[in-house]
């Protein structure tokens, strides 16, 4: 969904309509004197991804070497014993 631009006056006068749109997933860029000053976006947007779309995206994802990944994580963080205190 594309971001729509609104000026500060529109935000003031149409706040209910704009907030309803944000609640339904729309994002707005607020401008003042032609300059972008803020982005108004939903806090949590939940999107459903169909199983076949996920599978298709997974087929083209780069291969992850799990042994190397774990080793790099171990170097970056102390992951030897997650229950150690």
PDB file of N, CA and C in Angstrom:
ATOM      1  N   UNK A   1       0.853  -1.176   0.000  1.00  0.00           N
ATOM      2  CA  UNK A   1       0.000   0.000   0.000  1.00  0.00           C
ATOM      3  C   UNK A   1       0.895   1.233   0.000  1.00  0.00           C
ATOM      4  N   UNK A   2       0.633   2.178  -0.869  1.00  0.00           N
ATOM      5  CA  UNK A   2       1.461   3.366  -1.008  1.00  0.00           C
ATOM      6  C   UNK A   2       1.212   4.352   0.125  1.00  0.00           C
ATOM      7  N   UNK A   3       2.251   5.102   0.463  1.00  0.00           N
ATOM      8  CA  UNK A   3       2.145   6.144   1.473  1.00  0.00           C
ATOM      9  C   UNK A   3       1.503   7.373   0.845  1.00  0.00           C
ATOM     10  N   UNK A   4       0.517   7.905   1.528  1.00  0.00           N
ATOM     11  CA  UNK A   4      -0.160   9.113   1.042  1.00  0.00           C
ATOM     12  C   UNK A   4       0.380  10.317   1.780  1.00  0.00           C
ATOM     13  N   UNK A   5       0.467  11.448   1.078  1.00  0.00           N
ATOM     14  CA  UNK A   5       0.900  12.685   1.722  1.00  0.00           C
ATOM     15  C   UNK A   5      -0.308  13.505   2.129  1.00  0.00           C
ATOM     16  N   UNK A   6      -0.236  14.052   3.329  1.00  0.00           N
ATOM     17  CA  UNK A   6      -1.272  14.967   3.812  1.00  0.00           C
ATOM     18  C   UNK A   6      -0.565  16.139   4.475  1.00  0.00           C
ATOM     19  N   UNK A   7      -1.187  17.312   4.384  1.00  0.00           N
ATOM     20  CA  UNK A   7      -0.571  18.436   5.072  1.00  0.00           C
ATOM     21  C   UNK A   7      -1.116  18.536   6.489  1.00  0.00           C
ATOM     22  N   UNK A   8      -0.472  19.371   7.272  1.00  0.00           N
ATOM     23  CA  UNK A   8      -0.816  19.488   8.682  1.00  0.00           C
ATOM     24  C   UNK A   8      -2.270  19.908   8.874  1.00  0.00           C
ATOM     25  N   UNK A   9      -2.770  20.781   8.031  1.00  0.00           N
ATOM     26  CA  UNK A   9      -4.160  21.234   8.150  1.00  0.00           C
ATOM     27  C   UNK A   9      -5.126  20.072   7.908  1.00  0.00           C
ATOM     28  N   UNK A  10      -4.846  19.251   6.878  1.00  0.00           N
ATOM     29  CA  UNK A  10      -5.697  18.082   6.619  1.00  0.00           C
ATOM     30  C   UNK A  10      -5.714  17.140   7.821  1.00  0.00           C
ATOM     31  N   UNK A  11      -4.564  16.954   8.444  1.00  0.00           N
ATOM     32  CA  UNK A  11      -4.504  16.088   9.617  1.00  0.00           C
ATOM     33  C   UNK A  11      -5.402  16.628  10.718  1.00  0.00           C
ATOM     34  N   UNK A  12      -5.388  17.932  10.907  1.00  0.00           N
ATOM     35  CA  UNK A  12      -6.225  18.541  11.942  1.00  0.00           C
ATOM     36  C   UNK A  12      -7.708  18.424  11.623  1.00  0.00           C
ATOM     37  N   UNK A  13      -8.082  18.728  10.392  1.00  0.00           N
ATOM     38  CA  UNK A  13      -9.506  18.784  10.045  1.00  0.00           C
ATOM     39  C   UNK A  13     -10.112  17.417   9.737  1.00  0.00           C
ATOM     40  N   UNK A  14      -9.293  16.464   9.304  1.00  0.00           N
ATOM     41  CA  UNK A  14      -9.809  15.150   8.931  1.00  0.00           C
ATOM     42  C   UNK A  14      -9.230  14.049   9.809  1.00  0.00           C
ATOM     43  N   UNK A  15      -8.928  14.381  11.065  1.00  0.00           N
ATOM     44  CA  UNK A  15      -8.198  13.445  11.910  1.00  0.00           C
ATOM     45  C   UNK A  15      -8.922  12.109  12.084  1.00  0.00           C
ATOM     46  N   UNK A  16     -10.242  12.143  12.257  1.00  0.00           N
ATOM     47  CA  UNK A  16     -10.968  10.877  12.445  1.00  0.00           C
ATOM     48  C   UNK A  16     -10.847   9.985  11.208  1.00  0.00           C
ATOM     49  N   UNK A  17     -11.074  10.551  10.051  1.00  0.00           N
ATOM     50  CA  UNK A  17     -10.977   9.798   8.790  1.00  0.00           C
ATOM     51  C   UNK A  17      -9.560   9.243   8.600  1.00  0.00           C
ATOM     52  N   UNK A  18      -8.561  10.059   8.899  1.00  0.00           N
ATOM     53  CA  UNK A  18      -7.170   9.640   8.723  1.00  0.00           C
ATOM     54  C   UNK A  18      -6.807   8.554   9.727  1.00  0.00           C
ATOM     55  N   UNK A  19      -7.212   8.714  10.969  1.00  0.00           N
ATOM     56  CA  UNK A  19      -6.915   7.693  11.983  1.00  0.00           C
ATOM     57  C   UNK A  19      -7.607   6.369  11.666  1.00  0.00           C
ATOM     58  N   UNK A  20      -8.823   6.436  11.122  1.00  0.00           N
ATOM     59  CA  UNK A  20      -9.506   5.205  10.702  1.00  0.00           C
ATOM     60  C   UNK A  20      -8.701   4.511   9.606  1.00  0.00           C
ATOM     61  N   UNK A  21      -8.169   5.303   8.659  1.00  0.00           N
ATOM     62  CA  UNK A  21      -7.364   4.731   7.581  1.00  0.00           C
ATOM     63  C   UNK A  21      -6.080   4.112   8.129  1.00  0.00           C
ATOM     64  N   UNK A  22      -5.449   4.781   9.083  1.00  0.00           N
ATOM     65  CA  UNK A  22      -4.235   4.233   9.704  1.00  0.00           C
ATOM     66  C   UNK A  22      -4.562   2.926  10.413  1.00  0.00           C
ATOM     67  N   UNK A  23      -5.683   2.906  11.107  1.00  0.00           N
ATOM     68  CA  UNK A  23      -6.106   1.691  11.811  1.00  0.00           C
ATOM     69  C   UNK A  23      -6.285   0.518  10.843  1.00  0.00           C
ATOM     70  N   UNK A  24      -6.624   0.824   9.601  1.00  0.00           N
ATOM     71  CA  UNK A  24      -6.826  -0.217   8.584  1.00  0.00           C
ATOM     72  C   UNK A  24      -5.573  -0.458   7.749  1.00  0.00           C
ATOM     73  N   UNK A  25      -4.411   0.054   8.222  1.00  0.00           N
ATOM     74  CA  UNK A  25      -3.147  -0.295   7.579  1.00  0.00           C
ATOM     75  C   UNK A  25      -2.512   0.757   6.697  1.00  0.00           C
ATOM     76  N   UNK A  26      -3.154   1.890   6.486  1.00  0.00           N
ATOM     77  CA  UNK A  26      -2.561   2.914   5.628  1.00  0.00           C
ATOM     78  C   UNK A  26      -1.498   3.708   6.374  1.00  0.00           C
ATOM     79  N   UNK A  27      -0.553   4.260   5.620  1.00  0.00           N
ATOM     80  CA  UNK A  27       0.508   5.094   6.159  1.00  0.00           C
ATOM     81  C   UNK A  27       0.450   6.456   5.478  1.00  0.00           C
ATOM     82  N   UNK A  28       0.680   7.497   6.255  1.00  0.00           N
ATOM     83  CA  UNK A  28       0.635   8.863   5.740  1.00  0.00           C
ATOM     84  C   UNK A  28       1.941   9.575   6.066  1.00  0.00           C
ATOM     85  N   UNK A  29       2.393  10.421   5.142  1.00  0.00           N
ATOM     86  CA  UNK A  29       3.486  11.335   5.406  1.00  0.00           C
ATOM     87  C   UNK A  29       2.870  12.699   5.617  1.00  0.00           C
ATOM     88  N   UNK A  30       3.154  13.300   6.767  1.00  0.00           N
ATOM     89  CA  UNK A  30       2.592  14.605   7.110  1.00  0.00           C
ATOM     90  C   UNK A  30       3.582  15.682   6.679  1.00  0.00           C
ATOM     91  N   UNK A  31       3.071  16.709   6.005  1.00  0.00           N
ATOM     92  CA  UNK A  31       3.920  17.800   5.545  1.00  0.00           C
ATOM     93  C   UNK A  31       3.511  19.121   6.188  1.00  0.00           C
ATOM     94  N   UNK A  32       4.477  20.002   6.311  1.00  0.00           N
ATOM     95  CA  UNK A  32       4.228  21.370   6.774  1.00  0.00           C
ATOM     96  C   UNK A  32       5.020  22.278   5.839  1.00  0.00           C
ATOM     97  N   UNK A  33       4.321  23.210   5.233  1.00  0.00           N
ATOM     98  CA  UNK A  33       4.958  24.129   4.271  1.00  0.00           C
ATOM     99  C   UNK A  33       5.711  23.369   3.183  1.00  0.00           C
ATOM    100  N   UNK A  34       5.144  22.220   2.768  1.00  0.00           N
ATOM    101  CA  UNK A  34       5.736  21.434   1.693  1.00  0.00           C
ATOM    102  C   UNK A  34       6.876  20.524   2.108  1.00  0.00           C
ATOM    103  N   UNK A  35       7.280  20.570   3.379  1.00  0.00           N
ATOM    104  CA  UNK A  35       8.369  19.723   3.866  1.00  0.00           C
ATOM    105  C   UNK A  35       7.797  18.536   4.635  1.00  0.00           C
ATOM    106  N   UNK A  36       8.365  17.365   4.419  1.00  0.00           N
ATOM    107  CA  UNK A  36       7.935  16.180   5.159  1.00  0.00           C
ATOM    108  C   UNK A  36       8.431  16.302   6.593  1.00  0.00           C
ATOM    109  N   UNK A  37       7.493  16.193   7.557  1.00  0.00           N
ATOM    110  CA  UNK A  37       7.898  16.338   8.957  1.00  0.00           C
ATOM    111  C   UNK A  37       7.617  15.098   9.809  1.00  0.00           C
ATOM    112  N   UNK A  38       6.747  14.220   9.344  1.00  0.00           N
ATOM    113  CA  UNK A  38       6.422  13.049  10.152  1.00  0.00           C
ATOM    114  C   UNK A  38       5.802  11.970   9.289  1.00  0.00           C
ATOM    115  N   UNK A  39       5.830  10.761   9.834  1.00  0.00           N
ATOM    116  CA  UNK A  39       5.139   9.648   9.208  1.00  0.00           C
ATOM    117  C   UNK A  39       4.132   9.112  10.209  1.00  0.00           C
ATOM    118  N   UNK A  40       2.934   8.914   9.752  1.00  0.00           N
ATOM    119  CA  UNK A  40       1.855   8.381  10.578  1.00  0.00           C
ATOM    120  C   UNK A  40       1.556   6.983  10.056  1.00  0.00           C
ATOM    121  N   UNK A  41       1.855   5.977  10.884  1.00  0.00           N
ATOM    122  CA  UNK A  41       1.739   4.593  10.429  1.00  0.00           C
ATOM    123  C   UNK A  41       1.105   3.744  11.522  1.00  0.00           C
ATOM    124  N   UNK A  42       0.482   2.642  11.146  1.00  0.00           N
ATOM    125  CA  UNK A  42      -0.083   1.742  12.154  1.00  0.00           C
ATOM    126  C   UNK A  42       1.028   1.153  13.013  1.00  0.00           C
ATOM    127  N   UNK A  43       0.726   0.950  14.257  1.00  0.00           N
ATOM    128  CA  UNK A  43       1.717   0.417  15.185  1.00  0.00           C
ATOM    129  C   UNK A  43       2.009  -1.049  14.891  1.00  0.00           C
ATOM    130  N   UNK A  44       0.990  -1.832  14.704  1.00  0.00           N
ATOM    131  CA  UNK A  44       1.158  -3.255  14.402  1.00  0.00           C
ATOM    132  C   UNK A  44       0.314  -3.585  13.179  1.00  0.00           C
ATOM    133  N   UNK A  45       0.993  -4.020  12.144  1.00  0.00           N
ATOM    134  CA  UNK A  45       0.279  -4.448  10.951  1.00  0.00           C
ATOM    135  C   UNK A  45       0.514  -5.944  10.812  1.00  0.00           C
ATOM    136  N   UNK A  46      -0.538  -6.701  10.916  1.00  0.00           N
ATOM    137  CA  UNK A  46      -0.421  -8.145  10.751  1.00  0.00           C
ATOM    138  C   UNK A  46      -0.791  -8.487   9.320  1.00  0.00           C
ATOM    139  N   UNK A  47       0.090  -9.225   8.698  1.00  0.00           N
ATOM    140  CA  UNK A  47      -0.162  -9.612   7.320  1.00  0.00           C
ATOM    141  C   UNK A  47      -0.100 -11.131   7.223  1.00  0.00           C
ATOM    142  N   UNK A  48      -1.091 -11.694   6.581  1.00  0.00           N
ATOM    143  CA  UNK A  48      -1.133 -13.123   6.352  1.00  0.00           C
ATOM    144  C   UNK A  48      -0.335 -13.439   5.099  1.00  0.00           C
ATOM    145  N   UNK A  49       0.491 -14.436   5.183  1.00  0.00           N
ATOM    146  CA  UNK A  49       1.235 -14.906   4.016  1.00  0.00           C
ATOM    147  C   UNK A  49       0.767 -16.326   3.739  1.00  0.00           C
ATOM    148  N   UNK A  50       0.243 -16.516   2.564  1.00  0.00           N
ATOM    149  CA  UNK A  50      -0.252 -17.843   2.185  1.00  0.00           C
ATOM    150  C   UNK A  50       0.903 -18.844   2.140  1.00  0.00           C
ATOM    151  N   UNK A  51       0.595 -20.082   2.453  1.00  0.00           N
ATOM    152  CA  UNK A  51       1.615 -21.130   2.497  1.00  0.00           C
ATOM    153  C   UNK A  51       2.370 -21.242   1.178  1.00  0.00           C
ATOM    154  N   UNK A  52       1.654 -21.201   0.055  1.00  0.00           N
ATOM    155  CA  UNK A  52       2.337 -21.355  -1.235  1.00  0.00           C
ATOM    156  C   UNK A  52       3.244 -20.154  -1.531  1.00  0.00           C
ATOM    157  N   UNK A  53       2.877 -18.946  -1.073  1.00  0.00           N
ATOM    158  CA  UNK A  53       3.745 -17.781  -1.254  1.00  0.00           C
ATOM    159  C   UNK A  53       5.007 -17.911  -0.409  1.00  0.00           C
ATOM    160  N   UNK A  54       4.841 -18.386   0.837  1.00  0.00           N
ATOM    161  CA  UNK A  54       5.999 -18.597   1.703  1.00  0.00           C
ATOM    162  C   UNK A  54       6.926 -19.652   1.102  1.00  0.00           C
ATOM    163  N   UNK A  55       6.344 -20.732   0.605  1.00  0.00           N
ATOM    164  CA  UNK A  55       7.148 -21.803   0.012  1.00  0.00           C
ATOM    165  C   UNK A  55       7.909 -21.296  -1.209  1.00  0.00           C
ATOM    166  N   UNK A  56       7.253 -20.495  -2.039  1.00  0.00           N
ATOM    167  CA  UNK A  56       7.905 -19.954  -3.236  1.00  0.00           C
ATOM    168  C   UNK A  56       9.061 -19.033  -2.849  1.00  0.00           C
ATOM    169  N   UNK A  57       8.854 -18.200  -1.853  1.00  0.00           N
ATOM    170  CA  UNK A  57       9.913 -17.297  -1.404  1.00  0.00           C
ATOM    171  C   UNK A  57      11.056 -18.082  -0.776  1.00  0.00           C
ATOM    172  N   UNK A  58      10.741 -19.140  -0.072  1.00  0.00           N
ATOM    173  CA  UNK A  58      11.768 -19.952   0.579  1.00  0.00           C
ATOM    174  C   UNK A  58      12.656 -20.660  -0.438  1.00  0.00           C
ATOM    175  N   UNK A  59      12.075 -21.046  -1.555  1.00  0.00           N
ATOM    176  CA  UNK A  59      12.863 -21.743  -2.581  1.00  0.00           C
ATOM    177  C   UNK A  59      13.936 -20.841  -3.173  1.00  0.00           C
ATOM    178  N   UNK A  60      13.703 -19.541  -3.206  1.00  0.00           N
ATOM    179  CA  UNK A  60      14.671 -18.621  -3.807  1.00  0.00           C
ATOM    180  C   UNK A  60      15.538 -17.917  -2.762  1.00  0.00           C
ATOM    181  N   UNK A  61      15.337 -18.243  -1.489  1.00  0.00           N
ATOM    182  CA  UNK A  61      16.141 -17.636  -0.424  1.00  0.00           C
ATOM    183  C   UNK A  61      17.556 -18.204  -0.465  1.00  0.00           C
ATOM    184  N   UNK A  62      18.538 -17.417  -0.058  1.00  0.00           N
ATOM    185  CA  UNK A  62      19.906 -17.934  -0.059  1.00  0.00           C
ATOM    186  C   UNK A  62      20.067 -19.068   0.962  1.00  0.00           C
ATOM    187  N   UNK A  63      20.992 -19.973   0.661  1.00  0.00           N
ATOM    188  CA  UNK A  63      21.271 -21.095   1.555  1.00  0.00           C
ATOM    189  C   UNK A  63      21.977 -20.578   2.809  1.00  0.00           C
ATOM    190  N   UNK A  64      21.594 -21.082   3.961  1.00  0.00           N
ATOM    191  CA  UNK A  64      22.240 -20.732   5.224  1.00  0.00           C
ATOM    192  C   UNK A  64      22.967 -21.958   5.743  1.00  0.00           C
ATOM    193  N   UNK A  65      24.276 -21.815   5.913  1.00  0.00           N
ATOM    194  CA  UNK A  65      25.077 -22.890   6.491  1.00  0.00           C
ATOM    195  C   UNK A  65      24.876 -22.812   8.000  1.00  0.00           C
ATOM    196  N   UNK A  66      24.067 -23.741   8.540  1.00  0.00           N
ATOM    197  CA  UNK A  66      23.693 -23.679   9.949  1.00  0.00           C
ATOM    198  C   UNK A  66      24.876 -23.860  10.892  1.00  0.00           C
ATOM    199  N   UNK A  67      25.857 -24.682  10.518  1.00  0.00           N
ATOM    200  CA  UNK A  67      27.032 -24.878  11.373  1.00  0.00           C
ATOM    201  C   UNK A  67      27.830 -23.583  11.449  1.00  0.00           C
ATOM    202  N   UNK A  68      28.030 -22.954  10.307  1.00  0.00           N
ATOM    203  CA  UNK A  68      28.754 -21.675  10.283  1.00  0.00           C
ATOM    204  C   UNK A  68      27.969 -20.589  11.016  1.00  0.00           C
ATOM    205  N   UNK A  69      26.669 -20.559  10.820  1.00  0.00           N
ATOM    206  CA  UNK A  69      25.823 -19.574  11.499  1.00  0.00           C
ATOM    207  C   UNK A  69      25.953 -19.716  13.011  1.00  0.00           C
ATOM    208  N   UNK A  70      25.872 -20.951  13.508  1.00  0.00           N
ATOM    209  CA  UNK A  70      25.974 -21.201  14.947  1.00  0.00           C
ATOM    210  C   UNK A  70      27.343 -20.794  15.471  1.00  0.00           C
ATOM    211  N   UNK A  71      28.387 -21.082  14.706  1.00  0.00           N
ATOM    212  CA  UNK A  71      29.745 -20.713  15.120  1.00  0.00           C
ATOM    213  C   UNK A  71      29.882 -19.191  15.200  1.00  0.00           C
ATOM    214  N   UNK A  72      29.336 -18.487  14.215  1.00  0.00           N
ATOM    215  CA  UNK A  72      29.401 -17.022  14.241  1.00  0.00           C
ATOM    216  C   UNK A  72      28.604 -16.454  15.411  1.00  0.00           C
ATOM    217  N   UNK A  73      27.474 -17.070  15.711  1.00  0.00           N
ATOM    218  CA  UNK A  73      26.691 -16.624  16.861  1.00  0.00           C
ATOM    219  C   UNK A  73      27.460 -16.873  18.155  1.00  0.00           C
ATOM    220  N   UNK A  74      28.130 -18.006  18.237  1.00  0.00           N
ATOM    221  CA  UNK A  74      28.919 -18.329  19.414  1.00  0.00           C
ATOM    222  C   UNK A  74      30.064 -17.360  19.624  1.00  0.00           C
ATOM    223  N   UNK A  75      30.672 -16.893  18.526  1.00  0.00           N
ATOM    224  CA  UNK A  75      31.753 -15.911  18.632  1.00  0.00           C
ATOM    225  C   UNK A  75      31.226 -14.550  19.080  1.00  0.00           C
ATOM    226  N   UNK A  76      30.049 -14.216  18.617  1.00  0.00           N
ATOM    227  CA  UNK A  76      29.493 -12.893  18.927  1.00  0.00           C
ATOM    228  C   UNK A  76      28.841 -12.837  20.302  1.00  0.00           C
ATOM    229  N   UNK A  77      28.298 -13.957  20.750  1.00  0.00           N
ATOM    230  CA  UNK A  77      27.559 -13.995  22.012  1.00  0.00           C
ATOM    231  C   UNK A  77      27.996 -15.205  22.817  1.00  0.00           C
ATOM    232  N   UNK A  78      27.822 -15.130  24.120  1.00  0.00           N
ATOM    233  CA  UNK A  78      28.124 -16.263  24.976  1.00  0.00           C
ATOM    234  C   UNK A  78      26.931 -17.210  24.966  1.00  0.00           C
ATOM    235  N   UNK A  79      26.962 -18.186  24.056  1.00  0.00           N
ATOM    236  CA  UNK A  79      25.837 -19.091  23.884  1.00  0.00           C
ATOM    237  C   UNK A  79      26.158 -20.515  24.317  1.00  0.00           C
ATOM    238  N   UNK A  80      27.279 -20.707  24.998  1.00  0.00           N
ATOM    239  CA  UNK A  80      27.687 -22.082  25.328  1.00  0.00           C
ATOM    240  C   UNK A  80      26.666 -22.791  26.197  1.00  0.00           C
ATOM    241  N   UNK A  81      26.258 -22.150  27.296  1.00  0.00           N
ATOM    242  CA  UNK A  81      25.294 -22.796  28.196  1.00  0.00           C
ATOM    243  C   UNK A  81      24.186 -21.808  28.511  1.00  0.00           C
ATOM    244  N   UNK A  82      23.025 -21.972  27.887  1.00  0.00           N
ATOM    245  CA  UNK A  82      21.960 -20.999  28.096  1.00  0.00           C
ATOM    246  C   UNK A  82      21.411 -21.013  29.520  1.00  0.00           C
ATOM    247  N   UNK A  83      21.723 -22.061  30.293  1.00  0.00           N
ATOM    248  CA  UNK A  83      21.211 -22.160  31.657  1.00  0.00           C
ATOM    249  C   UNK A  83      22.239 -21.758  32.711  1.00  0.00           C
ATOM    250  N   UNK A  84      23.442 -21.442  32.273  1.00  0.00           N
ATOM    251  CA  UNK A  84      24.463 -21.018  33.230  1.00  0.00           C
ATOM    252  C   UNK A  84      24.098 -19.651  33.802  1.00  0.00           C
ATOM    253  N   UNK A  85      24.417 -19.469  35.073  1.00  0.00           N
ATOM    254  CA  UNK A  85      24.122 -18.177  35.733  1.00  0.00           C
ATOM    255  C   UNK A  85      25.380 -17.529  36.202  1.00  0.00           C
TER     256      UNK A  85
END
